[in-house]
Amino acid sequence: KDQNILGQINIPNIPKCDGAVYVKGDSMYPLLKSGD
C-alpha cells in the first residue's frame, strides 16, 4: 500500500475505503466509463 501511489482524494463524509483506482473498459457502461 505504500507503493504505486498517484495521489490522494479528499472527500468529506464518505464511507471508509482502502483505496481508489481508475476504471478501464466499458463493461459497466453507462454506470461507469473508462477513466472514471
Full PDB file with SEQRES, HELIX, SHEET, SSBOND, CRYST1, ORIGX, SCALE, CONECT and MASTER records, all heavy atoms in Angstrom:
SEQRES   1 A   36  LYS ASP GLN ASN ILE LEU GLY GLN ILE ASN ILE PRO ASN          
SEQRES   2 A   36  ILE PRO LYS CYS ASP GLY ALA VAL TYR VAL LYS GLY ASP          
SEQRES   3 A   36  SER MET TYR PRO LEU LEU LYS SER GLY ASP                      
CRYST1    1.000    1.000    1.000  90.00  90.00  90.00 P 1           1          
ORIGX1      1.000000  0.000000  0.000000        0.00000                         
ORIGX2      0.000000  1.000000  0.000000        0.00000                         
ORIGX3      0.000000  0.000000  1.000000        0.00000                         
SCALE1      1.000000  0.000000  0.000000        0.00000                         
SCALE2      0.000000  1.000000  0.000000        0.00000                         
SCALE3      0.000000  0.000000  1.000000        0.00000                         
ATOM      1  N   LYS A   1       0.795  -1.225   0.000  1.00  0.00           N  
ATOM      2  CA  LYS A   1       0.000   0.000   0.000  1.00  0.00           C  
ATOM      3  C   LYS A   1       0.832   1.281   0.000  1.00  0.00           C  
ATOM      4  O   LYS A   1       0.292   2.370  -0.201  1.00  0.00           O  
ATOM      5  CB  LYS A   1      -0.952  -0.001   1.202  1.00  0.00           C  
ATOM      6  CG  LYS A   1      -2.041  -1.059   1.119  1.00  0.00           C  
ATOM      7  CD  LYS A   1      -2.991  -0.956   2.295  1.00  0.00           C  
ATOM      8  CE  LYS A   1      -4.155  -1.924   2.155  1.00  0.00           C  
ATOM      9  NZ  LYS A   1      -3.713  -3.334   2.118  1.00  0.00           N  
ATOM     10  N   ASP A   2       2.131   1.166   0.248  1.00  0.00           N  
ATOM     11  CA  ASP A   2       2.984   2.348   0.249  1.00  0.00           C  
ATOM     12  C   ASP A   2       3.646   2.570  -1.102  1.00  0.00           C  
ATOM     13  O   ASP A   2       4.491   3.459  -1.246  1.00  0.00           O  
ATOM     14  CB  ASP A   2       4.056   2.229   1.339  1.00  0.00           C  
ATOM     15  CG  ASP A   2       4.936   0.997   1.166  1.00  0.00           C  
ATOM     16  OD1 ASP A   2       4.497   0.038   0.480  1.00  0.00           O  
ATOM     17  OD2 ASP A   2       6.045   0.974   1.732  1.00  0.00           O  
ATOM     18  N   GLN A   3       3.262   1.789  -2.107  1.00  0.00           N  
ATOM     19  CA  GLN A   3       3.858   1.905  -3.440  1.00  0.00           C  
ATOM     20  C   GLN A   3       2.770   2.207  -4.481  1.00  0.00           C  
ATOM     21  O   GLN A   3       1.581   2.067  -4.214  1.00  0.00           O  
ATOM     22  CB  GLN A   3       4.585   0.613  -3.814  1.00  0.00           C  
ATOM     23  CG  GLN A   3       5.700   0.238  -2.855  1.00  0.00           C  
ATOM     24  CD  GLN A   3       6.362  -1.073  -3.236  1.00  0.00           C  
ATOM     25  OE1 GLN A   3       6.300  -1.519  -4.379  1.00  0.00           O  
ATOM     26  NE2 GLN A   3       7.003  -1.709  -2.260  1.00  0.00           N  
ATOM     27  N   ASN A   4       3.206   2.607  -5.671  1.00  0.00           N  
ATOM     28  CA  ASN A   4       2.322   2.833  -6.824  1.00  0.00           C  
ATOM     29  C   ASN A   4       1.216   3.853  -6.525  1.00  0.00           C  
ATOM     30  O   ASN A   4       0.074   3.720  -6.987  1.00  0.00           O  
ATOM     31  CB  ASN A   4       1.695   1.512  -7.281  1.00  0.00           C  
ATOM     32  CG  ASN A   4       2.724   0.431  -7.509  1.00  0.00           C  
ATOM     33  OD1 ASN A   4       3.626   0.587  -8.325  1.00  0.00           O  
ATOM     34  ND2 ASN A   4       2.613  -0.665  -6.770  1.00  0.00           N  
ATOM     35  N   ILE A   5       1.567   4.895  -5.759  1.00  0.00           N  
ATOM     36  CA  ILE A   5       0.598   5.925  -5.372  1.00  0.00           C  
ATOM     37  C   ILE A   5       0.615   7.070  -6.393  1.00  0.00           C  
ATOM     38  O   ILE A   5       1.669   7.619  -6.704  1.00  0.00           O  
ATOM     39  CB  ILE A   5       0.910   6.464  -3.963  1.00  0.00           C  
ATOM     40  CG1 ILE A   5       0.755   5.339  -2.930  1.00  0.00           C  
ATOM     41  CG2 ILE A   5      -0.004   7.638  -3.620  1.00  0.00           C  
ATOM     42  CD1 ILE A   5       1.181   5.740  -1.522  1.00  0.00           C  
ATOM     43  N   LEU A   6      -0.560   7.409  -6.916  1.00  0.00           N  
ATOM     44  CA  LEU A   6      -0.684   8.520  -7.859  1.00  0.00           C  
ATOM     45  C   LEU A   6      -1.020   9.826  -7.153  1.00  0.00           C  
ATOM     46  O   LEU A   6      -0.706  10.907  -7.647  1.00  0.00           O  
ATOM     47  CB  LEU A   6      -1.777   8.207  -8.891  1.00  0.00           C  
ATOM     48  CG  LEU A   6      -1.496   7.044  -9.846  1.00  0.00           C  
ATOM     49  CD1 LEU A   6      -2.733   6.752 -10.683  1.00  0.00           C  
ATOM     50  CD2 LEU A   6      -0.311   7.369 -10.745  1.00  0.00           C  
ATOM     51  N   GLY A   7      -1.687   9.740  -6.017  1.00  0.00           N  
ATOM     52  CA  GLY A   7      -2.086  10.934  -5.292  1.00  0.00           C  
ATOM     53  C   GLY A   7      -3.146  10.600  -4.262  1.00  0.00           C  
ATOM     54  O   GLY A   7      -3.366   9.424  -3.938  1.00  0.00           O  
ATOM     55  N   GLN A   8      -3.801  11.619  -3.758  1.00  0.00           N  
ATOM     56  CA  GLN A   8      -4.844  11.422  -2.766  1.00  0.00           C  
ATOM     57  C   GLN A   8      -6.087  12.218  -3.125  1.00  0.00           C  
ATOM     58  O   GLN A   8      -6.003  13.294  -3.718  1.00  0.00           O  
ATOM     59  CB  GLN A   8      -4.355  11.819  -1.370  1.00  0.00           C  
ATOM     60  CG  GLN A   8      -3.327  10.856  -0.783  1.00  0.00           C  
ATOM     61  CD  GLN A   8      -2.986  11.172   0.655  1.00  0.00           C  
ATOM     62  OE1 GLN A   8      -2.857  12.331   1.018  1.00  0.00           O  
ATOM     63  NE2 GLN A   8      -2.854  10.139   1.477  1.00  0.00           N  
ATOM     64  N   ILE A   9      -7.231  11.673  -2.752  1.00  0.00           N  
ATOM     65  CA  ILE A   9      -8.518  12.308  -2.986  1.00  0.00           C  
ATOM     66  C   ILE A   9      -9.129  12.601  -1.626  1.00  0.00           C  
ATOM     67  O   ILE A   9      -9.193  11.725  -0.764  1.00  0.00           O  
ATOM     68  CB  ILE A   9      -9.463  11.379  -3.783  1.00  0.00           C  
ATOM     69  CG1 ILE A   9      -8.794  10.948  -5.099  1.00  0.00           C  
ATOM     70  CG2 ILE A   9     -10.794  12.044  -4.048  1.00  0.00           C  
ATOM     71  CD1 ILE A   9      -9.501   9.800  -5.776  1.00  0.00           C  
ATOM     72  N   ASN A  10      -9.596  13.811  -1.447  1.00  0.00           N  
ATOM     73  CA  ASN A  10     -10.177  14.209  -0.165  1.00  0.00           C  
ATOM     74  C   ASN A  10     -11.648  14.549  -0.366  1.00  0.00           C  
ATOM     75  O   ASN A  10     -11.990  15.542  -1.014  1.00  0.00           O  
ATOM     76  CB  ASN A  10      -9.425  15.417   0.406  1.00  0.00           C  
ATOM     77  CG  ASN A  10      -9.753  15.639   1.880  1.00  0.00           C  
ATOM     78  OD1 ASN A  10     -10.791  15.212   2.360  1.00  0.00           O  
ATOM     79  ND2 ASN A  10      -8.869  16.316   2.580  1.00  0.00           N  
ATOM     80  N   ILE A  11     -12.533  13.705   0.173  1.00  0.00           N  
ATOM     81  CA  ILE A  11     -13.980  13.910   0.062  1.00  0.00           C  
ATOM     82  C   ILE A  11     -14.580  13.772   1.458  1.00  0.00           C  
ATOM     83  O   ILE A  11     -14.432  12.730   2.090  1.00  0.00           O  
ATOM     84  CB  ILE A  11     -14.627  12.884  -0.883  1.00  0.00           C  
ATOM     85  CG1 ILE A  11     -13.935  12.888  -2.251  1.00  0.00           C  
ATOM     86  CG2 ILE A  11     -16.121  13.168  -1.040  1.00  0.00           C  
ATOM     87  CD1 ILE A  11     -14.430  11.818  -3.188  1.00  0.00           C  
ATOM     88  N   PRO A  12     -15.264  14.779   1.944  1.00  0.00           N  
ATOM     89  CA  PRO A  12     -15.840  14.682   3.293  1.00  0.00           C  
ATOM     90  C   PRO A  12     -17.044  13.742   3.339  1.00  0.00           C  
ATOM     91  O   PRO A  12     -17.724  13.529   2.326  1.00  0.00           O  
ATOM     92  CB  PRO A  12     -16.257  16.124   3.604  1.00  0.00           C  
ATOM     93  CG  PRO A  12     -16.498  16.734   2.257  1.00  0.00           C  
ATOM     94  CD  PRO A  12     -15.503  16.089   1.333  1.00  0.00           C  
ATOM     95  N   ASN A  13     -17.286  13.168   4.502  1.00  0.00           N  
ATOM     96  CA  ASN A  13     -18.477  12.356   4.780  1.00  0.00           C  
ATOM     97  C   ASN A  13     -18.646  11.179   3.818  1.00  0.00           C  
ATOM     98  O   ASN A  13     -19.713  10.960   3.251  1.00  0.00           O  
ATOM     99  CB  ASN A  13     -19.735  13.235   4.735  1.00  0.00           C  
ATOM    100  CG  ASN A  13     -19.672  14.381   5.723  1.00  0.00           C  
ATOM    101  OD1 ASN A  13     -19.238  14.209   6.858  1.00  0.00           O  
ATOM    102  ND2 ASN A  13     -20.075  15.564   5.283  1.00  0.00           N  
ATOM    103  N   ILE A  14     -17.574  10.424   3.630  1.00  0.00           N  
ATOM    104  CA  ILE A  14     -17.636   9.245   2.767  1.00  0.00           C  
ATOM    105  C   ILE A  14     -17.403   7.994   3.596  1.00  0.00           C  
ATOM    106  O   ILE A  14     -16.830   8.054   4.682  1.00  0.00           O  
ATOM    107  CB  ILE A  14     -16.582   9.318   1.640  1.00  0.00           C  
ATOM    108  CG1 ILE A  14     -15.166   9.449   2.230  1.00  0.00           C  
ATOM    109  CG2 ILE A  14     -16.876  10.444   0.680  1.00  0.00           C  
ATOM    110  CD1 ILE A  14     -14.075   9.300   1.207  1.00  0.00           C  
ATOM    111  N   PRO A  15     -17.851   6.824   3.105  1.00  0.00           N  
ATOM    112  CA  PRO A  15     -17.577   5.581   3.822  1.00  0.00           C  
ATOM    113  C   PRO A  15     -16.087   5.259   3.794  1.00  0.00           C  
ATOM    114  O   PRO A  15     -15.356   5.721   2.905  1.00  0.00           O  
ATOM    115  CB  PRO A  15     -18.375   4.536   3.040  1.00  0.00           C  
ATOM    116  CG  PRO A  15     -18.546   5.124   1.675  1.00  0.00           C  
ATOM    117  CD  PRO A  15     -18.655   6.606   1.878  1.00  0.00           C  
ATOM    118  N   LYS A  16     -15.630   4.486   4.754  1.00  0.00           N  
ATOM    119  CA  LYS A  16     -14.216   4.120   4.824  1.00  0.00           C  
ATOM    120  C   LYS A  16     -13.826   3.289   3.610  1.00  0.00           C  
ATOM    121  O   LYS A  16     -14.486   2.309   3.275  1.00  0.00           O  
ATOM    122  CB  LYS A  16     -13.935   3.339   6.106  1.00  0.00           C  
ATOM    123  CG  LYS A  16     -12.475   2.921   6.252  1.00  0.00           C  
ATOM    124  CD  LYS A  16     -12.224   2.285   7.592  1.00  0.00           C  
ATOM    125  CE  LYS A  16     -10.801   1.733   7.684  1.00  0.00           C  
ATOM    126  NZ  LYS A  16      -9.785   2.760   7.409  1.00  0.00           N  
ATOM    127  N   CYS A  17     -12.758   3.681   2.944  1.00  0.00           N  
ATOM    128  CA  CYS A  17     -12.266   2.983   1.756  1.00  0.00           C  
ATOM    129  C   CYS A  17     -10.780   2.659   1.938  1.00  0.00           C  
ATOM    130  O   CYS A  17     -10.069   3.353   2.657  1.00  0.00           O  
ATOM    131  CB  CYS A  17     -12.456   3.845   0.502  1.00  0.00           C  
ATOM    132  SG  CYS A  17     -14.178   4.268   0.130  1.00  0.00           S  
ATOM    133  N   ASP A  18     -10.331   1.606   1.252  1.00  0.00           N  
ATOM    134  CA  ASP A  18      -8.926   1.207   1.318  1.00  0.00           C  
ATOM    135  C   ASP A  18      -8.092   1.819   0.206  1.00  0.00           C  
ATOM    136  O   ASP A  18      -6.863   1.762   0.246  1.00  0.00           O  
ATOM    137  CB  ASP A  18      -8.809  -0.317   1.263  1.00  0.00           C  
ATOM    138  CG  ASP A  18      -9.370  -0.980   2.504  1.00  0.00           C  
ATOM    139  OD1 ASP A  18      -9.170  -0.429   3.604  1.00  0.00           O  
ATOM    140  OD2 ASP A  18     -10.015  -2.039   2.383  1.00  0.00           O  
ATOM    141  N   GLY A  19      -8.738   2.374  -0.802  1.00  0.00           N  
ATOM    142  CA  GLY A  19      -8.012   2.963  -1.916  1.00  0.00           C  
ATOM    143  C   GLY A  19      -8.936   3.237  -3.088  1.00  0.00           C  
ATOM    144  O   GLY A  19     -10.151   3.029  -3.011  1.00  0.00           O  
ATOM    145  N   ALA A  20      -8.336   3.702  -4.186  1.00  0.00           N  
ATOM    146  CA  ALA A  20      -9.094   4.004  -5.396  1.00  0.00           C  
ATOM    147  C   ALA A  20      -8.216   3.743  -6.613  1.00  0.00           C  
ATOM    148  O   ALA A  20      -6.979   3.846  -6.534  1.00  0.00           O  
ATOM    149  CB  ALA A  20      -9.586   5.442  -5.391  1.00  0.00           C  
ATOM    150  N   VAL A  21      -8.848   3.386  -7.735  1.00  0.00           N  
ATOM    151  CA  VAL A  21      -8.125   3.137  -8.994  1.00  0.00           C  
ATOM    152  C   VAL A  21      -8.963   3.668 -10.155  1.00  0.00           C  
ATOM    153  O   VAL A  21     -10.167   3.888 -10.012  1.00  0.00           O  
ATOM    154  CB  VAL A  21      -7.842   1.633  -9.217  1.00  0.00           C  
ATOM    155  CG1 VAL A  21      -6.895   1.086  -8.166  1.00  0.00           C  
ATOM    156  CG2 VAL A  21      -9.143   0.826  -9.232  1.00  0.00           C  
ATOM    157  N   TYR A  22      -8.314   3.856 -11.286  1.00  0.00           N  
ATOM    158  CA  TYR A  22      -9.015   4.238 -12.499  1.00  0.00           C  
ATOM    159  C   TYR A  22      -9.673   3.007 -13.139  1.00  0.00           C  
ATOM    160  O   TYR A  22      -9.126   1.904 -13.094  1.00  0.00           O  
ATOM    161  CB  TYR A  22      -8.053   4.867 -13.517  1.00  0.00           C  
ATOM    162  CG  TYR A  22      -7.659   6.294 -13.201  1.00  0.00           C  
ATOM    163  CD1 TYR A  22      -6.423   6.579 -12.633  1.00  0.00           C  
ATOM    164  CD2 TYR A  22      -8.523   7.350 -13.475  1.00  0.00           C  
ATOM    165  CE1 TYR A  22      -6.053   7.889 -12.342  1.00  0.00           C  
ATOM    166  CE2 TYR A  22      -8.168   8.653 -13.187  1.00  0.00           C  
ATOM    167  CZ  TYR A  22      -6.932   8.928 -12.627  1.00  0.00           C  
ATOM    168  OH  TYR A  22      -6.575  10.217 -12.329  1.00  0.00           O  
ATOM    169  N   VAL A  23     -10.830   3.228 -13.755  1.00  0.00           N  
ATOM    170  CA  VAL A  23     -11.550   2.161 -14.454  1.00  0.00           C  
ATOM    171  C   VAL A  23     -11.133   2.143 -15.918  1.00  0.00           C  
ATOM    172  O   VAL A  23     -10.946   3.199 -16.528  1.00  0.00           O  
ATOM    173  CB  VAL A  23     -13.074   2.381 -14.355  1.00  0.00           C  
ATOM    174  CG1 VAL A  23     -13.827   1.394 -15.247  1.00  0.00           C  
ATOM    175  CG2 VAL A  23     -13.534   2.251 -12.917  1.00  0.00           C  
ATOM    176  N   LYS A  24     -11.001   0.948 -16.463  1.00  0.00           N  
ATOM    177  CA  LYS A  24     -10.759   0.792 -17.898  1.00  0.00           C  
ATOM    178  C   LYS A  24     -11.798  -0.146 -18.482  1.00  0.00           C  
ATOM    179  O   LYS A  24     -12.251  -1.068 -17.818  1.00  0.00           O  
ATOM    180  CB  LYS A  24      -9.347   0.252 -18.168  1.00  0.00           C  
ATOM    181  CG  LYS A  24      -8.254   1.275 -17.933  1.00  0.00           C  
ATOM    182  CD  LYS A  24      -6.955   0.852 -18.587  1.00  0.00           C  
ATOM    183  CE  LYS A  24      -5.923   1.966 -18.527  1.00  0.00           C  
ATOM    184  NZ  LYS A  24      -4.677   1.596 -19.229  1.00  0.00           N  
ATOM    185  N   GLY A  25     -12.185   0.095 -19.718  1.00  0.00           N  
ATOM    186  CA  GLY A  25     -13.163  -0.761 -20.374  1.00  0.00           C  
ATOM    187  C   GLY A  25     -14.582  -0.228 -20.242  1.00  0.00           C  
ATOM    188  O   GLY A  25     -14.837   0.771 -19.564  1.00  0.00           O  
ATOM    189  N   ASP A  26     -15.523  -0.913 -20.898  1.00  0.00           N  
ATOM    190  CA  ASP A  26     -16.908  -0.437 -20.950  1.00  0.00           C  
ATOM    191  C   ASP A  26     -17.909  -1.457 -20.430  1.00  0.00           C  
ATOM    192  O   ASP A  26     -19.096  -1.379 -20.732  1.00  0.00           O  
ATOM    193  CB  ASP A  26     -17.277  -0.062 -22.387  1.00  0.00           C  
ATOM    194  CG  ASP A  26     -17.261  -1.255 -23.338  1.00  0.00           C  
ATOM    195  OD1 ASP A  26     -16.751  -2.332 -22.949  1.00  0.00           O  
ATOM    196  OD2 ASP A  26     -17.756  -1.118 -24.476  1.00  0.00           O  
ATOM    197  N   SER A  27     -17.452  -2.427 -19.621  1.00  0.00           N  
ATOM    198  CA  SER A  27     -18.354  -3.486 -19.173  1.00  0.00           C  
ATOM    199  C   SER A  27     -19.468  -2.967 -18.267  1.00  0.00           C  
ATOM    200  O   SER A  27     -20.530  -3.575 -18.184  1.00  0.00           O  
ATOM    201  CB  SER A  27     -17.581  -4.593 -18.459  1.00  0.00           C  
ATOM    202  OG  SER A  27     -17.018  -4.117 -17.250  1.00  0.00           O  
ATOM    203  N   MET A  28     -19.240  -1.838 -17.568  1.00  0.00           N  
ATOM    204  CA  MET A  28     -20.267  -1.284 -16.684  1.00  0.00           C  
ATOM    205  C   MET A  28     -20.867   0.009 -17.239  1.00  0.00           C  
ATOM    206  O   MET A  28     -21.545   0.744 -16.515  1.00  0.00           O  
ATOM    207  CB  MET A  28     -19.675  -1.025 -15.295  1.00  0.00           C  
ATOM    208  CG  MET A  28     -19.194  -2.271 -14.579  1.00  0.00           C  
ATOM    209  SD  MET A  28     -20.473  -3.530 -14.388  1.00  0.00           S  
ATOM    210  CE  MET A  28     -21.534  -2.751 -13.169  1.00  0.00           C  
ATOM    211  N   TYR A  29     -20.625   0.293 -18.504  1.00  0.00           N  
ATOM    212  CA  TYR A  29     -21.179   1.494 -19.137  1.00  0.00           C  
ATOM    213  C   TYR A  29     -22.700   1.371 -19.254  1.00  0.00           C  
ATOM    214  O   TYR A  29     -23.201   0.294 -19.559  1.00  0.00           O  
ATOM    215  CB  TYR A  29     -20.547   1.676 -20.525  1.00  0.00           C  
ATOM    216  CG  TYR A  29     -20.964   2.958 -21.223  1.00  0.00           C  
ATOM    217  CD1 TYR A  29     -20.297   4.145 -20.950  1.00  0.00           C  
ATOM    218  CD2 TYR A  29     -22.027   2.966 -22.117  1.00  0.00           C  
ATOM    219  CE1 TYR A  29     -20.682   5.334 -21.569  1.00  0.00           C  
ATOM    220  CE2 TYR A  29     -22.423   4.148 -22.734  1.00  0.00           C  
ATOM    221  CZ  TYR A  29     -21.748   5.324 -22.458  1.00  0.00           C  
ATOM    222  OH  TYR A  29     -22.140   6.491 -23.065  1.00  0.00           O  
ATOM    223  N   PRO A  30     -23.489   2.426 -18.962  1.00  0.00           N  
ATOM    224  CA  PRO A  30     -23.078   3.802 -18.680  1.00  0.00           C  
ATOM    225  C   PRO A  30     -22.914   4.133 -17.190  1.00  0.00           C  
ATOM    226  O   PRO A  30     -22.679   5.279 -16.860  1.00  0.00           O  
ATOM    227  CB  PRO A  30     -24.238   4.610 -19.270  1.00  0.00           C  
ATOM    228  CG  PRO A  30     -25.437   3.745 -19.041  1.00  0.00           C  
ATOM    229  CD  PRO A  30     -24.949   2.321 -19.219  1.00  0.00           C  
ATOM    230  N   LEU A  31     -23.086   3.145 -16.301  1.00  0.00           N  
ATOM    231  CA  LEU A  31     -22.863   3.424 -14.875  1.00  0.00           C  
ATOM    232  C   LEU A  31     -21.439   3.902 -14.636  1.00  0.00           C  
ATOM    233  O   LEU A  31     -21.198   4.846 -13.889  1.00  0.00           O  
ATOM    234  CB  LEU A  31     -23.128   2.177 -14.039  1.00  0.00           C  
ATOM    235  CG  LEU A  31     -24.589   1.758 -13.844  1.00  0.00           C  
ATOM    236  CD1 LEU A  31     -24.657   0.528 -12.959  1.00  0.00           C  
ATOM    237  CD2 LEU A  31     -25.404   2.889 -13.240  1.00  0.00           C  
ATOM    238  N   LEU A  32     -20.486   3.206 -15.277  1.00  0.00           N  
ATOM    239  CA  LEU A  32     -19.085   3.587 -15.220  1.00  0.00           C  
ATOM    240  C   LEU A  32     -18.537   3.628 -16.635  1.00  0.00           C  
ATOM    241  O   LEU A  32     -18.915   2.804 -17.465  1.00  0.00           O  
ATOM    242  CB  LEU A  32     -18.277   2.571 -14.398  1.00  0.00           C  
ATOM    243  CG  LEU A  32     -18.633   2.401 -12.924  1.00  0.00           C  
ATOM    244  CD1 LEU A  32     -17.832   1.241 -12.335  1.00  0.00           C  
ATOM    245  CD2 LEU A  32     -18.362   3.676 -12.145  1.00  0.00           C  
ATOM    246  N   LYS A  33     -17.648   4.555 -16.886  1.00  0.00           N  
ATOM    247  CA  LYS A  33     -16.990   4.592 -18.189  1.00  0.00           C  
ATOM    248  C   LYS A  33     -15.485   4.632 -17.979  1.00  0.00           C  
ATOM    249  O   LYS A  33     -15.002   4.944 -16.889  1.00  0.00           O  
ATOM    250  CB  LYS A  33     -17.466   5.787 -19.010  1.00  0.00           C  
ATOM    251  CG  LYS A  33     -17.070   7.137 -18.455  1.00  0.00           C  
ATOM    252  CD  LYS A  33     -17.565   8.259 -19.364  1.00  0.00           C  
ATOM    253  CE  LYS A  33     -17.115   9.622 -18.857  1.00  0.00           C  
ATOM    254  NZ  LYS A  33     -17.568  10.722 -19.726  1.00  0.00           N  
ATOM    255  N   SER A  34     -14.760   4.300 -19.023  1.00  0.00           N  
ATOM    256  CA  SER A  34     -13.309   4.270 -18.941  1.00  0.00           C  
ATOM    257  C   SER A  34     -12.791   5.648 -18.544  1.00  0.00           C  
ATOM    258  O   SER A  34     -13.168   6.668 -19.122  1.00  0.00           O  
ATOM    259  CB  SER A  34     -12.718   3.855 -20.295  1.00  0.00           C  
ATOM    260  OG  SER A  34     -11.338   3.622 -20.194  1.00  0.00           O  
ATOM    261  N   GLY A  35     -11.938   5.681 -17.513  1.00  0.00           N  
ATOM    262  CA  GLY A  35     -11.420   6.940 -17.000  1.00  0.00           C  
ATOM    263  C   GLY A  35     -12.050   7.368 -15.690  1.00  0.00           C  
ATOM    264  O   GLY A  35     -11.528   8.246 -15.008  1.00  0.00           O  
ATOM    265  N   ASP A  36     -13.180   6.744 -15.325  1.00  0.00           N  
ATOM    266  CA  ASP A  36     -13.780   7.021 -14.020  1.00  0.00           C  
ATOM    267  C   ASP A  36     -12.889   6.458 -12.916  1.00  0.00           C  
ATOM    268  O   ASP A  36     -12.053   5.579 -13.151  1.00  0.00           O  
ATOM    269  CB  ASP A  36     -15.162   6.369 -13.915  1.00  0.00           C  
ATOM    270  CG  ASP A  36     -16.215   7.090 -14.750  1.00  0.00           C  
ATOM    271  OD1 ASP A  36     -15.895   8.139 -15.321  1.00  0.00           O  
ATOM    272  OD2 ASP A  36     -17.345   6.581 -14.828  1.00  0.00           O  
TER     273      ASP A  36                                                      
MASTER        0    0    0    0    0    0    0    6  272    1    0    3          
END                                                                             
